[in-house]
Amino acid sequence: MAKYESGLRGNFDEFLHRLDNGILHGSASASFEGGSNYKSGDVRCAVRVYERYSMIGSNRVSLNITLVGNGDDLFLSAITSGGSQAVFFKINTFGEESFLDCVIKIAEAYK
């Protein structure tokens, strides 16, 4: 598992669109697996799950994105998993870290 969290300021829909496009176009094997949206008053929450093939680990890696917004205050949590072939412990997390790097670049550029 690899994790990145960050507070940002900006437009919820615009940033979510940038994340979606950047993740899906950041890898030829990336796919959108599912998502959920919630809104209560000014607070919004979007959950997204993506997958991609990791050549390093010869397996698929998942990425879970949670974006919470209250006006232009945004909070992003991104967590990857599945990047190891070991049975009892993780020996290779390069695929997870690489997938997460895509999100970090998008978020840092948006800041």
C-alpha atoms as a PDB file:
ATOM      1  CA  MET A   1       0.000   0.000   0.000  1.00  0.00           C
ATOM      2  CA  ALA A   2       1.135   3.503  -0.825  1.00  0.00           C
ATOM      3  CA  LYS A   3      -0.763   6.620   0.268  1.00  0.00           C
ATOM      4  CA  TYR A   4      -0.816  10.328  -0.540  1.00  0.00           C
ATOM      5  CA  GLU A   5      -3.010  12.970   1.099  1.00  0.00           C
ATOM      6  CA  SER A   6      -3.149  16.680   0.432  1.00  0.00           C
ATOM      7  CA  GLY A   7      -5.264  19.734   1.053  1.00  0.00           C
ATOM      8  CA  LEU A   8      -5.835  21.992  -1.956  1.00  0.00           C
ATOM      9  CA  ARG A   9      -7.876  24.990  -3.017  1.00  0.00           C
ATOM     10  CA  GLY A  10      -9.805  25.080  -6.252  1.00  0.00           C
ATOM     11  CA  ASN A  11     -12.848  23.947  -8.174  1.00  0.00           C
ATOM     12  CA  PHE A  12     -14.068  20.475  -7.154  1.00  0.00           C
ATOM     13  CA  ASP A  13     -15.362  19.463 -10.606  1.00  0.00           C
ATOM     14  CA  GLU A  14     -12.321  20.827 -12.447  1.00  0.00           C
ATOM     15  CA  PHE A  15      -9.850  19.046 -10.179  1.00  0.00           C
ATOM     16  CA  LEU A  16     -11.794  15.771 -10.292  1.00  0.00           C
ATOM     17  CA  HIS A  17     -11.820  15.986 -14.098  1.00  0.00           C
ATOM     18  CA  ARG A  18      -8.046  16.614 -14.150  1.00  0.00           C
ATOM     19  CA  LEU A  19      -7.468  13.615 -11.893  1.00  0.00           C
ATOM     20  CA  ASP A  20      -9.652  11.354 -14.024  1.00  0.00           C
ATOM     21  CA  ASN A  21      -8.050  12.418 -17.303  1.00  0.00           C
ATOM     22  CA  GLY A  22      -4.520  12.325 -15.928  1.00  0.00           C
ATOM     23  CA  ILE A  23      -4.911   8.852 -14.437  1.00  0.00           C
ATOM     24  CA  LEU A  24      -6.610   7.328 -17.474  1.00  0.00           C
ATOM     25  CA  HIS A  25      -4.186   8.897 -19.948  1.00  0.00           C
ATOM     26  CA  GLY A  26      -1.138   8.283 -17.751  1.00  0.00           C
ATOM     27  CA  SER A  27      -1.010   4.585 -18.616  1.00  0.00           C
ATOM     28  CA  ALA A  28      -2.159   2.570 -21.626  1.00  0.00           C
ATOM     29  CA  SER A  29      -3.619  -0.097 -19.328  1.00  0.00           C
ATOM     30  CA  ALA A  30      -5.376   2.219 -16.830  1.00  0.00           C
ATOM     31  CA  SER A  31      -9.121   1.718 -16.478  1.00  0.00           C
ATOM     32  CA  PHE A  32     -11.943   3.232 -14.447  1.00  0.00           C
ATOM     33  CA  GLU A  33     -13.491   0.500 -12.283  1.00  0.00           C
ATOM     34  CA  GLY A  34     -16.208   2.395 -10.426  1.00  0.00           C
ATOM     35  CA  GLY A  35     -17.113   5.441  -8.430  1.00  0.00           C
ATOM     36  CA  SER A  36     -19.556   7.160  -6.154  1.00  0.00           C
ATOM     37  CA  ASN A  37     -20.646  10.756  -5.583  1.00  0.00           C
ATOM     38  CA  TYR A  38     -22.211  12.334  -2.497  1.00  0.00           C
ATOM     39  CA  LYS A  39     -23.384  15.861  -1.733  1.00  0.00           C
ATOM     40  CA  SER A  40     -24.795  17.400   1.448  1.00  0.00           C
ATOM     41  CA  GLY A  41     -25.200  21.157   1.397  1.00  0.00           C
ATOM     42  CA  ASP A  42     -21.878  22.614   0.270  1.00  0.00           C
ATOM     43  CA  VAL A  43     -19.905  19.447   1.045  1.00  0.00           C
ATOM     44  CA  ARG A  44     -19.144  17.055  -1.805  1.00  0.00           C
ATOM     45  CA  CYS A  45     -17.382  13.724  -1.868  1.00  0.00           C
ATOM     46  CA  ALA A  46     -16.260  11.678  -4.870  1.00  0.00           C
ATOM     47  CA  VAL A  47     -14.773   8.196  -4.616  1.00  0.00           C
ATOM     48  CA  ARG A  48     -13.066   6.650  -7.648  1.00  0.00           C
ATOM     49  CA  VAL A  49     -11.364   3.306  -8.196  1.00  0.00           C
ATOM     50  CA  TYR A  50      -8.900   2.732 -11.033  1.00  0.00           C
ATOM     51  CA  GLU A  51      -6.736  -0.198 -12.061  1.00  0.00           C
ATOM     52  CA  ARG A  52      -3.743  -0.637 -14.291  1.00  0.00           C
ATOM     53  CA  TYR A  53      -1.311  -3.359 -15.212  1.00  0.00           C
ATOM     54  CA  SER A  54       2.098  -3.193 -13.554  1.00  0.00           C
ATOM     55  CA  MET A  55       4.820  -4.618 -15.767  1.00  0.00           C
ATOM     56  CA  ILE A  56       7.277  -4.583 -12.859  1.00  0.00           C
ATOM     57  CA  GLY A  57       5.041  -6.764 -10.697  1.00  0.00           C
ATOM     58  CA  SER A  58       3.341  -8.620 -13.567  1.00  0.00           C
ATOM     59  CA  ASN A  59      -0.040  -7.941 -11.944  1.00  0.00           C
ATOM     60  CA  ARG A  60      -2.786  -5.345 -11.663  1.00  0.00           C
ATOM     61  CA  VAL A  61      -2.592  -2.464  -9.209  1.00  0.00           C
ATOM     62  CA  SER A  62      -5.620  -0.578  -7.891  1.00  0.00           C
ATOM     63  CA  LEU A  63      -5.874   3.098  -6.993  1.00  0.00           C
ATOM     64  CA  ASN A  64      -8.601   4.502  -4.765  1.00  0.00           C
ATOM     65  CA  ILE A  65      -9.207   8.260  -4.880  1.00  0.00           C
ATOM     66  CA  THR A  66     -11.368  10.125  -2.380  1.00  0.00           C
ATOM     67  CA  LEU A  67     -11.905  13.827  -3.026  1.00  0.00           C
ATOM     68  CA  VAL A  68     -13.820  15.906  -0.476  1.00  0.00           C
ATOM     69  CA  GLY A  69     -14.775  19.502  -1.162  1.00  0.00           C
ATOM     70  CA  ASN A  70     -16.371  22.276   0.859  1.00  0.00           C
ATOM     71  CA  GLY A  71     -16.569  25.308  -1.395  1.00  0.00           C
ATOM     72  CA  ASP A  72     -13.065  25.705  -2.802  1.00  0.00           C
ATOM     73  CA  ASP A  73     -11.411  23.832   0.093  1.00  0.00           C
ATOM     74  CA  LEU A  74     -10.470  20.382  -1.202  1.00  0.00           C
ATOM     75  CA  PHE A  75      -8.976  17.313   0.452  1.00  0.00           C
ATOM     76  CA  LEU A  76      -7.529  14.456  -1.598  1.00  0.00           C
ATOM     77  CA  SER A  77      -6.714  10.970  -0.359  1.00  0.00           C
ATOM     78  CA  ALA A  78      -5.169   8.468  -2.802  1.00  0.00           C
ATOM     79  CA  ILE A  79      -4.332   4.892  -1.816  1.00  0.00           C
ATOM     80  CA  THR A  80      -2.893   2.145  -4.007  1.00  0.00           C
ATOM     81  CA  SER A  81      -2.826  -1.601  -3.392  1.00  0.00           C
ATOM     82  CA  GLY A  82      -2.177  -4.912  -5.084  1.00  0.00           C
ATOM     83  CA  GLY A  83       1.378  -4.406  -6.267  1.00  0.00           C
ATOM     84  CA  SER A  84       2.950  -7.551  -4.839  1.00  0.00           C
ATOM     85  CA  GLN A  85       2.958 -11.240  -5.665  1.00  0.00           C
ATOM     86  CA  ALA A  86       4.157 -12.437  -2.257  1.00  0.00           C
ATOM     87  CA  VAL A  87       1.857 -14.546  -0.104  1.00  0.00           C
ATOM     88  CA  PHE A  88       2.598 -13.300   3.428  1.00  0.00           C
ATOM     89  CA  PHE A  89       4.284  -9.906   2.989  1.00  0.00           C
ATOM     90  CA  LYS A  90       4.946  -7.342   0.284  1.00  0.00           C
ATOM     91  CA  ILE A  91       8.221  -7.645  -1.569  1.00  0.00           C
ATOM     92  CA  ASN A  92       7.528  -5.356  -4.530  1.00  0.00           C
ATOM     93  CA  THR A  93       5.603  -2.092  -4.209  1.00  0.00           C
ATOM     94  CA  PHE A  94       7.117  -0.356  -7.261  1.00  0.00           C
ATOM     95  CA  GLY A  95       3.874  -0.687  -9.247  1.00  0.00           C
ATOM     96  CA  GLU A  96       1.834   0.893  -6.464  1.00  0.00           C
ATOM     97  CA  GLU A  97       4.291   3.757  -6.006  1.00  0.00           C
ATOM     98  CA  SER A  98       4.435   4.409  -9.746  1.00  0.00           C
ATOM     99  CA  PHE A  99       0.624   4.560  -9.994  1.00  0.00           C
ATOM    100  CA  LEU A 100       0.507   6.923  -7.018  1.00  0.00           C
ATOM    101  CA  ASP A 101       3.197   9.164  -8.554  1.00  0.00           C
ATOM    102  CA  CYS A 102       0.765   9.978 -11.355  1.00  0.00           C
ATOM    103  CA  VAL A 103      -1.719  11.377  -8.812  1.00  0.00           C
ATOM    104  CA  ILE A 104       0.970  13.269  -6.904  1.00  0.00           C
ATOM    105  CA  LYS A 105       2.123  15.025 -10.091  1.00  0.00           C
ATOM    106  CA  ILE A 106      -1.443  16.054 -10.946  1.00  0.00           C
ATOM    107  CA  ALA A 107      -2.136  17.356  -7.426  1.00  0.00           C
ATOM    108  CA  GLU A 108       1.155  19.228  -7.095  1.00  0.00           C
ATOM    109  CA  ALA A 109       0.698  20.852 -10.522  1.00  0.00           C
ATOM    110  CA  TYR A 110      -2.831  21.930  -9.525  1.00  0.00           C
ATOM    111  CA  LYS A 111      -1.556  23.616  -6.375  1.00  0.00           C
END
